[in-house]
PDB file of all heavy atoms in Angstrom:
ATOM      1  N   ASP A   1     -20.282 -60.781  26.804  1.00  0.00           N
ATOM      2  CA  ASP A   1     -19.558 -60.178  27.830  1.00  0.00           C
ATOM      3  C   ASP A   1     -19.900 -58.787  27.781  1.00  0.00           C
ATOM      4  O   ASP A   1     -19.410 -57.961  26.988  1.00  0.00           O
ATOM      5  CB  ASP A   1     -18.182 -60.470  27.733  1.00  0.00           C
ATOM      6  CG  ASP A   1     -17.219 -59.860  28.740  1.00  0.00           C
ATOM      7  OD1 ASP A   1     -17.871 -59.347  29.664  1.00  0.00           O
ATOM      8  OD2 ASP A   1     -15.955 -59.940  28.622  1.00  0.00           O
ATOM      9  N   LEU A   2     -20.835 -58.307  28.782  1.00  0.00           N
ATOM     10  CA  LEU A   2     -21.250 -56.959  28.836  1.00  0.00           C
ATOM     11  C   LEU A   2     -20.002 -55.998  29.143  1.00  0.00           C
ATOM     12  O   LEU A   2     -19.963 -54.811  28.646  1.00  0.00           O
ATOM     13  CB  LEU A   2     -22.223 -56.650  29.757  1.00  0.00           C
ATOM     14  CG  LEU A   2     -23.721 -57.033  29.376  1.00  0.00           C
ATOM     15  CD1 LEU A   2     -24.704 -56.858  30.512  1.00  0.00           C
ATOM     16  CD2 LEU A   2     -24.133 -56.120  28.205  1.00  0.00           C
ATOM     17  N   LEU A   3     -19.048 -56.448  29.874  1.00  0.00           N
ATOM     18  CA  LEU A   3     -17.922 -55.568  30.227  1.00  0.00           C
ATOM     19  C   LEU A   3     -17.114 -55.260  29.036  1.00  0.00           C
ATOM     20  O   LEU A   3     -16.619 -54.139  28.875  1.00  0.00           O
ATOM     21  CB  LEU A   3     -17.056 -56.276  31.279  1.00  0.00           C
ATOM     22  CG  LEU A   3     -17.494 -56.240  32.754  1.00  0.00           C
ATOM     23  CD1 LEU A   3     -16.644 -57.132  33.575  1.00  0.00           C
ATOM     24  CD2 LEU A   3     -17.451 -54.800  33.222  1.00  0.00           C
ATOM     25  N   SER A   4     -16.945 -56.200  27.981  1.00  0.00           N
ATOM     26  CA  SER A   4     -16.198 -55.794  26.865  1.00  0.00           C
ATOM     27  C   SER A   4     -17.011 -55.206  25.787  1.00  0.00           C
ATOM     28  O   SER A   4     -16.494 -54.612  24.911  1.00  0.00           O
ATOM     29  CB  SER A   4     -15.447 -57.101  26.448  1.00  0.00           C
ATOM     30  OG  SER A   4     -16.305 -58.019  26.020  1.00  0.00           O
ATOM     31  N   GLU A   5     -18.312 -55.590  25.833  1.00  0.00           N
ATOM     32  CA  GLU A   5     -19.159 -55.123  24.596  1.00  0.00           C
ATOM     33  C   GLU A   5     -19.771 -53.639  24.737  1.00  0.00           C
ATOM     34  O   GLU A   5     -19.933 -52.985  23.862  1.00  0.00           O
ATOM     35  CB  GLU A   5     -20.279 -56.143  24.354  1.00  0.00           C
ATOM     36  CG  GLU A   5     -19.773 -57.507  24.000  1.00  0.00           C
ATOM     37  CD  GLU A   5     -19.192 -57.495  22.608  1.00  0.00           C
ATOM     38  OE1 GLU A   5     -19.476 -56.656  21.688  1.00  0.00           O
ATOM     39  OE2 GLU A   5     -18.362 -58.470  22.281  1.00  0.00           O
ATOM     40  N   LEU A   6     -20.168 -53.370  25.961  1.00  0.00           N
ATOM     41  CA  LEU A   6     -20.880 -52.203  26.211  1.00  0.00           C
ATOM     42  C   LEU A   6     -20.113 -50.878  25.898  1.00  0.00           C
ATOM     43  O   LEU A   6     -20.590 -49.948  25.399  1.00  0.00           O
ATOM     44  CB  LEU A   6     -21.392 -52.106  27.639  1.00  0.00           C
ATOM     45  CG  LEU A   6     -22.391 -51.103  27.948  1.00  0.00           C
ATOM     46  CD1 LEU A   6     -23.699 -51.278  27.017  1.00  0.00           C
ATOM     47  CD2 LEU A   6     -22.968 -51.093  29.431  1.00  0.00           C
ATOM     48  N   PRO A   7     -18.714 -50.872  26.085  1.00  0.00           N
ATOM     49  CA  PRO A   7     -18.080 -49.606  25.811  1.00  0.00           C
ATOM     50  C   PRO A   7     -18.118 -49.246  24.282  1.00  0.00           C
ATOM     51  O   PRO A   7     -18.202 -48.035  24.003  1.00  0.00           O
ATOM     52  CB  PRO A   7     -16.504 -49.877  26.325  1.00  0.00           C
ATOM     53  CG  PRO A   7     -16.756 -50.902  27.325  1.00  0.00           C
ATOM     54  CD  PRO A   7     -17.947 -51.738  26.956  1.00  0.00           C
ATOM     55  N   ALA A   8     -17.997 -50.210  23.364  1.00  0.00           N
ATOM     56  CA  ALA A   8     -18.074 -49.739  22.081  1.00  0.00           C
ATOM     57  C   ALA A   8     -19.359 -49.364  21.575  1.00  0.00           C
ATOM     58  O   ALA A   8     -19.579 -48.422  20.814  1.00  0.00           O
ATOM     59  CB  ALA A   8     -17.673 -51.152  21.200  1.00  0.00           C
ATOM     60  N   LEU A   9     -20.428 -49.885  22.325  1.00  0.00           N
ATOM     61  CA  LEU A   9     -21.806 -49.438  22.067  1.00  0.00           C
ATOM     62  C   LEU A   9     -22.059 -48.043  22.519  1.00  0.00           C
ATOM     63  O   LEU A   9     -22.603 -47.291  21.723  1.00  0.00           O
ATOM     64  CB  LEU A   9     -22.866 -50.470  22.606  1.00  0.00           C
ATOM     65  CG  LEU A   9     -24.364 -50.090  22.386  1.00  0.00           C
ATOM     66  CD1 LEU A   9     -24.560 -50.324  20.962  1.00  0.00           C
ATOM     67  CD2 LEU A   9     -25.196 -51.001  23.246  1.00  0.00           C
ATOM     68  N   THR A  10     -21.692 -47.764  23.749  1.00  0.00           N
ATOM     69  CA  THR A  10     -21.682 -46.347  24.229  1.00  0.00           C
ATOM     70  C   THR A  10     -20.960 -45.413  23.527  1.00  0.00           C
ATOM     71  O   THR A  10     -21.344 -44.226  23.391  1.00  0.00           O
ATOM     72  CB  THR A  10     -21.503 -46.290  25.696  1.00  0.00           C
ATOM     73  OG1 THR A  10     -20.192 -46.715  26.022  1.00  0.00           O
ATOM     74  CG2 THR A  10     -22.600 -47.152  26.508  1.00  0.00           C
ATOM     75  N   ASP A  11     -19.685 -45.757  22.907  1.00  0.00           N
ATOM     76  CA  ASP A  11     -19.056 -44.808  22.065  1.00  0.00           C
ATOM     77  C   ASP A  11     -19.775 -44.373  20.911  1.00  0.00           C
ATOM     78  O   ASP A  11     -19.605 -43.036  20.523  1.00  0.00           O
ATOM     79  CB  ASP A  11     -17.748 -45.513  21.683  1.00  0.00           C
ATOM     80  CG  ASP A  11     -16.632 -45.669  22.704  1.00  0.00           C
ATOM     81  OD1 ASP A  11     -16.806 -45.088  23.767  1.00  0.00           O
ATOM     82  OD2 ASP A  11     -15.824 -46.495  22.411  1.00  0.00           O
ATOM     83  N   VAL A  12     -20.659 -45.162  20.443  1.00  0.00           N
ATOM     84  CA  VAL A  12     -21.450 -44.741  19.201  1.00  0.00           C
ATOM     85  C   VAL A  12     -22.721 -44.117  19.647  1.00  0.00           C
ATOM     86  O   VAL A  12     -23.156 -43.085  19.081  1.00  0.00           O
ATOM     87  CB  VAL A  12     -21.925 -46.041  18.396  1.00  0.00           C
ATOM     88  CG1 VAL A  12     -22.882 -45.596  17.346  1.00  0.00           C
ATOM     89  CG2 VAL A  12     -20.652 -46.736  17.882  1.00  0.00           C
ATOM     90  N   LEU A  13     -23.289 -44.466  20.811  1.00  0.00           N
ATOM     91  CA  LEU A  13     -24.640 -43.947  21.109  1.00  0.00           C
ATOM     92  C   LEU A  13     -24.478 -42.669  21.957  1.00  0.00           C
ATOM     93  O   LEU A  13     -25.598 -41.782  21.803  1.00  0.00           O
ATOM     94  CB  LEU A  13     -25.436 -44.906  21.964  1.00  0.00           C
ATOM     95  CG  LEU A  13     -25.813 -46.273  21.216  1.00  0.00           C
ATOM     96  CD1 LEU A  13     -26.630 -47.181  22.077  1.00  0.00           C
ATOM     97  CD2 LEU A  13     -26.625 -45.915  19.885  1.00  0.00           C
ATOM     98  N   ASP A  14     -23.552 -42.469  22.736  1.00  0.00           N
ATOM     99  CA  ASP A  14     -23.519 -41.254  23.532  1.00  0.00           C
ATOM    100  C   ASP A  14     -23.596 -40.023  22.589  1.00  0.00           C
ATOM    101  O   ASP A  14     -24.264 -39.106  23.041  1.00  0.00           O
ATOM    102  CB  ASP A  14     -22.233 -41.234  24.421  1.00  0.00           C
ATOM    103  CG  ASP A  14     -22.332 -42.112  25.618  1.00  0.00           C
ATOM    104  OD1 ASP A  14     -23.322 -42.747  25.957  1.00  0.00           O
ATOM    105  OD2 ASP A  14     -21.273 -42.242  26.338  1.00  0.00           O
ATOM    106  N   PRO A  15     -22.826 -39.866  21.575  1.00  0.00           N
ATOM    107  CA  PRO A  15     -23.024 -38.633  20.784  1.00  0.00           C
ATOM    108  C   PRO A  15     -24.325 -38.506  20.154  1.00  0.00           C
ATOM    109  O   PRO A  15     -24.757 -37.421  19.949  1.00  0.00           O
ATOM    110  CB  PRO A  15     -21.815 -38.711  19.719  1.00  0.00           C
ATOM    111  CG  PRO A  15     -20.885 -39.826  20.213  1.00  0.00           C
ATOM    112  CD  PRO A  15     -21.683 -40.708  21.098  1.00  0.00           C
ATOM    113  N   LEU A  16     -24.943 -39.571  19.883  1.00  0.00           N
ATOM    114  CA  LEU A  16     -26.252 -39.577  19.148  1.00  0.00           C
ATOM    115  C   LEU A  16     -27.514 -39.352  20.103  1.00  0.00           C
ATOM    116  O   LEU A  16     -28.354 -38.532  19.770  1.00  0.00           O
ATOM    117  CB  LEU A  16     -26.562 -40.847  18.343  1.00  0.00           C
ATOM    118  CG  LEU A  16     -25.522 -41.230  17.281  1.00  0.00           C
ATOM    119  CD1 LEU A  16     -25.800 -42.625  16.741  1.00  0.00           C
ATOM    120  CD2 LEU A  16     -25.627 -40.148  16.113  1.00  0.00           C
ATOM    121  N   TRP A  17     -27.391 -40.046  21.223  1.00  0.00           N
ATOM    122  CA  TRP A  17     -28.582 -40.010  22.070  1.00  0.00           C
ATOM    123  C   TRP A  17     -28.403 -39.312  23.444  1.00  0.00           C
ATOM    124  O   TRP A  17     -29.220 -39.280  24.323  1.00  0.00           O
ATOM    125  CB  TRP A  17     -28.948 -41.572  22.366  1.00  0.00           C
ATOM    126  CG  TRP A  17     -29.642 -42.145  21.180  1.00  0.00           C
ATOM    127  CD1 TRP A  17     -30.012 -41.597  20.048  1.00  0.00           C
ATOM    128  CD2 TRP A  17     -29.960 -43.507  21.137  1.00  0.00           C
ATOM    129  NE1 TRP A  17     -30.545 -42.481  19.206  1.00  0.00           N
ATOM    130  CE2 TRP A  17     -30.477 -43.741  19.842  1.00  0.00           C
ATOM    131  CE3 TRP A  17     -29.752 -44.617  21.988  1.00  0.00           C
ATOM    132  CZ2 TRP A  17     -30.875 -44.957  19.394  1.00  0.00           C
ATOM    133  CZ3 TRP A  17     -29.991 -45.795  21.468  1.00  0.00           C
ATOM    134  CH2 TRP A  17     -30.656 -45.984  20.243  1.00  0.00           C
ATOM    135  N   GLY A  18     -27.104 -38.852  23.790  1.00  0.00           N
ATOM    136  CA  GLY A  18     -26.819 -38.351  24.952  1.00  0.00           C
ATOM    137  C   GLY A  18     -26.153 -39.528  25.853  1.00  0.00           C
ATOM    138  O   GLY A  18     -26.274 -40.561  25.567  1.00  0.00           O
ATOM    139  N   ARG A  19     -25.395 -39.055  26.951  1.00  0.00           N
ATOM    140  CA  ARG A  19     -24.765 -39.994  27.736  1.00  0.00           C
ATOM    141  C   ARG A  19     -25.721 -41.072  28.272  1.00  0.00           C
ATOM    142  O   ARG A  19     -26.647 -40.870  28.873  1.00  0.00           O
ATOM    143  CB  ARG A  19     -24.125 -39.362  28.845  1.00  0.00           C
ATOM    144  CG  ARG A  19     -23.203 -40.237  29.715  1.00  0.00           C
ATOM    145  CD  ARG A  19     -22.662 -39.620  30.816  1.00  0.00           C
ATOM    146  NE  ARG A  19     -21.348 -38.825  30.364  1.00  0.00           N
ATOM    147  CZ  ARG A  19     -20.520 -38.289  31.093  1.00  0.00           C
ATOM    148  NH1 ARG A  19     -20.590 -38.226  32.338  1.00  0.00           N
ATOM    149  NH2 ARG A  19     -19.390 -37.988  30.514  1.00  0.00           N
ATOM    150  N   ILE A  20     -25.342 -42.408  27.839  1.00  0.00           N
ATOM    151  CA  ILE A  20     -26.149 -43.636  28.375  1.00  0.00           C
ATOM    152  C   ILE A  20     -25.565 -43.761  29.830  1.00  0.00           C
ATOM    153  O   ILE A  20     -24.477 -43.964  30.086  1.00  0.00           O
ATOM    154  CB  ILE A  20     -25.752 -44.783  27.502  1.00  0.00           C
ATOM    155  CG1 ILE A  20     -26.127 -44.703  26.010  1.00  0.00           C
ATOM    156  CG2 ILE A  20     -26.465 -45.923  28.021  1.00  0.00           C
ATOM    157  CD1 ILE A  20     -27.628 -44.342  25.765  1.00  0.00           C
ATOM    158  N   THR A  21     -26.607 -43.737  30.613  1.00  0.00           N
ATOM    159  CA  THR A  21     -26.393 -43.844  32.174  1.00  0.00           C
ATOM    160  C   THR A  21     -26.834 -45.209  32.732  1.00  0.00           C
ATOM    161  O   THR A  21     -26.265 -45.508  33.712  1.00  0.00           O
ATOM    162  CB  THR A  21     -27.039 -42.735  32.964  1.00  0.00           C
ATOM    163  OG1 THR A  21     -28.392 -42.736  32.592  1.00  0.00           O
ATOM    164  CG2 THR A  21     -26.459 -41.354  32.461  1.00  0.00           C
ATOM    165  N   ARG A  22     -27.787 -45.799  32.078  1.00  0.00           N
ATOM    166  CA  ARG A  22     -28.293 -47.098  32.706  1.00  0.00           C
ATOM    167  C   ARG A  22     -28.607 -48.023  31.446  1.00  0.00           C
ATOM    168  O   ARG A  22     -29.119 -47.462  30.386  1.00  0.00           O
ATOM    169  CB  ARG A  22     -29.439 -46.912  33.537  1.00  0.00           C
ATOM    170  CG  ARG A  22     -29.195 -46.148  34.746  1.00  0.00           C
ATOM    171  CD  ARG A  22     -30.546 -45.996  35.684  1.00  0.00           C
ATOM    172  NE  ARG A  22     -30.281 -45.153  36.705  1.00  0.00           N
ATOM    173  CZ  ARG A  22     -29.897 -45.740  38.001  1.00  0.00           C
ATOM    174  NH1 ARG A  22     -29.583 -46.976  38.126  1.00  0.00           N
ATOM    175  NH2 ARG A  22     -29.706 -44.947  38.937  1.00  0.00           N
ATOM    176  N   ILE A  23     -28.472 -49.343  31.772  1.00  0.00           N
ATOM    177  CA  ILE A  23     -29.064 -50.263  30.845  1.00  0.00           C
ATOM    178  C   ILE A  23     -29.810 -51.303  31.574  1.00  0.00           C
ATOM    179  O   ILE A  23     -29.501 -51.542  32.769  1.00  0.00           O
ATOM    180  CB  ILE A  23     -28.101 -50.918  29.943  1.00  0.00           C
ATOM    181  CG1 ILE A  23     -27.054 -51.810  30.676  1.00  0.00           C
ATOM    182  CG2 ILE A  23     -27.314 -49.872  29.039  1.00  0.00           C
ATOM    183  CD1 ILE A  23     -26.365 -52.733  29.765  1.00  0.00           C
ATOM    184  N   ALA A  24     -30.638 -52.005  30.971  1.00  0.00           N
ATOM    185  CA  ALA A  24     -31.397 -53.075  31.551  1.00  0.00           C
ATOM    186  C   ALA A  24     -31.509 -54.313  30.521  1.00  0.00           C
ATOM    187  O   ALA A  24     -31.543 -54.016  29.414  1.00  0.00           O
ATOM    188  CB  ALA A  24     -32.746 -52.741  32.125  1.00  0.00           C
ATOM    189  N   VAL A  25     -31.181 -55.591  31.053  1.00  0.00           N
ATOM    190  CA  VAL A  25     -31.229 -56.716  30.284  1.00  0.00           C
ATOM    191  C   VAL A  25     -31.897 -57.730  31.012  1.00  0.00           C
ATOM    192  O   VAL A  25     -32.256 -57.742  32.095  1.00  0.00           O
ATOM    193  CB  VAL A  25     -29.813 -57.212  29.983  1.00  0.00           C
ATOM    194  CG1 VAL A  25     -28.930 -56.114  29.205  1.00  0.00           C
ATOM    195  CG2 VAL A  25     -28.947 -57.550  31.367  1.00  0.00           C
ATOM    196  N   ASN A  26     -32.279 -58.840  30.198  1.00  0.00           N
ATOM    197  CA  ASN A  26     -32.751 -59.969  30.752  1.00  0.00           C
ATOM    198  C   ASN A  26     -31.571 -61.022  30.893  1.00  0.00           C
ATOM    199  O   ASN A  26     -30.763 -61.199  29.976  1.00  0.00           O
ATOM    200  CB  ASN A  26     -33.787 -60.680  29.883  1.00  0.00           C
ATOM    201  CG  ASN A  26     -34.424 -61.938  30.377  1.00  0.00           C
ATOM    202  OD1 ASN A  26     -33.912 -62.770  30.852  1.00  0.00           O
ATOM    203  ND2 ASN A  26     -35.795 -61.935  30.339  1.00  0.00           N
ATOM    204  N   PRO A  27     -31.309 -61.636  32.088  1.00  0.00           N
ATOM    205  CA  PRO A  27     -30.131 -62.488  32.299  1.00  0.00           C
ATOM    206  C   PRO A  27     -30.122 -63.730  31.554  1.00  0.00           C
ATOM    207  O   PRO A  27     -29.129 -64.457  31.475  1.00  0.00           O
ATOM    208  CB  PRO A  27     -30.215 -62.798  33.804  1.00  0.00           C
ATOM    209  CG  PRO A  27     -31.616 -62.547  34.242  1.00  0.00           C
ATOM    210  CD  PRO A  27     -32.284 -61.576  33.294  1.00  0.00           C
ATOM    211  N   LYS A  28     -31.248 -64.039  30.781  1.00  0.00           N
ATOM    212  CA  LYS A  28     -31.257 -65.302  30.034  1.00  0.00           C
ATOM    213  C   LYS A  28     -30.094 -65.336  29.046  1.00  0.00           C
ATOM    214  O   LYS A  28     -29.567 -66.394  28.816  1.00  0.00           O
ATOM    215  CB  LYS A  28     -32.586 -65.437  29.330  1.00  0.00           C
ATOM    216  CG  LYS A  28     -32.713 -66.701  28.459  1.00  0.00           C
ATOM    217  CD  LYS A  28     -34.059 -66.816  27.849  1.00  0.00           C
ATOM    218  CE  LYS A  28     -34.107 -68.062  27.032  1.00  0.00           C
ATOM    219  NZ  LYS A  28     -35.418 -68.197  26.355  1.00  0.00           N
ATOM    220  N   CYS A  29     -29.797 -64.268  28.413  1.00  0.00           N
ATOM    221  CA  CYS A  29     -28.761 -64.139  27.316  1.00  0.00           C
ATOM    222  C   CYS A  29     -27.417 -63.717  27.708  1.00  0.00           C
ATOM    223  O   CYS A  29     -26.546 -63.607  26.999  1.00  0.00           O
ATOM    224  CB  CYS A  29     -29.232 -63.388  26.137  1.00  0.00           C
ATOM    225  SG  CYS A  29     -30.695 -64.161  25.290  1.00  0.00           S
ATOM    226  N   TRP A  30     -27.371 -63.281  29.015  1.00  0.00           N
ATOM    227  CA  TRP A  30     -26.013 -62.826  29.537  1.00  0.00           C
ATOM    228  C   TRP A  30     -25.576 -63.515  30.685  1.00  0.00           C
ATOM    229  O   TRP A  30     -26.170 -63.482  31.753  1.00  0.00           O
ATOM    230  CB  TRP A  30     -26.283 -61.191  29.931  1.00  0.00           C
ATOM    231  CG  TRP A  30     -26.714 -60.467  28.683  1.00  0.00           C
ATOM    232  CD1 TRP A  30     -27.954 -60.020  28.516  1.00  0.00           C
ATOM    233  CD2 TRP A  30     -25.847 -59.957  27.681  1.00  0.00           C
ATOM    234  NE1 TRP A  30     -27.991 -59.242  27.385  1.00  0.00           N
ATOM    235  CE2 TRP A  30     -26.746 -59.077  26.761  1.00  0.00           C
ATOM    236  CE3 TRP A  30     -24.615 -59.964  27.395  1.00  0.00           C
ATOM    237  CZ2 TRP A  30     -26.302 -58.586  25.795  1.00  0.00           C
ATOM    238  CZ3 TRP A  30     -24.038 -59.411  26.198  1.00  0.00           C
ATOM    239  CH2 TRP A  30     -24.960 -58.641  25.376  1.00  0.00           C
ATOM    240  N   PRO A  31     -24.476 -64.301  30.590  1.00  0.00           N
ATOM    241  CA  PRO A  31     -24.114 -65.183  31.735  1.00  0.00           C
ATOM    242  C   PRO A  31     -23.691 -64.477  32.917  1.00  0.00           C
ATOM    243  O   PRO A  31     -23.886 -64.909  33.963  1.00  0.00           O
ATOM    244  CB  PRO A  31     -23.028 -66.050  31.123  1.00  0.00           C
ATOM    245  CG  PRO A  31     -22.456 -65.376  29.836  1.00  0.00           C
ATOM    246  CD  PRO A  31     -23.665 -64.475  29.336  1.00  0.00           C
ATOM    247  N   VAL A  32     -23.062 -63.307  32.812  1.00  0.00           N
ATOM    248  CA  VAL A  32     -22.579 -62.473  33.848  1.00  0.00           C
ATOM    249  C   VAL A  32     -23.127 -61.062  33.655  1.00  0.00           C
ATOM    250  O   VAL A  32     -22.841 -60.569  32.567  1.00  0.00           O
ATOM    251  CB  VAL A  32     -20.955 -62.590  34.022  1.00  0.00           C
ATOM    252  CG1 VAL A  32     -20.462 -61.624  35.048  1.00  0.00           C
ATOM    253  CG2 VAL A  32     -20.485 -63.922  34.208  1.00  0.00           C
TER     254      VAL A  32
END
């Protein structure tokens, strides 16, 4: 579930890599 998983990921990555503004995925592994 990207809606619930992505915020925790960006909480870690934003301070390290700068504000994450876009992501791209293959829909095979993400149902929504």
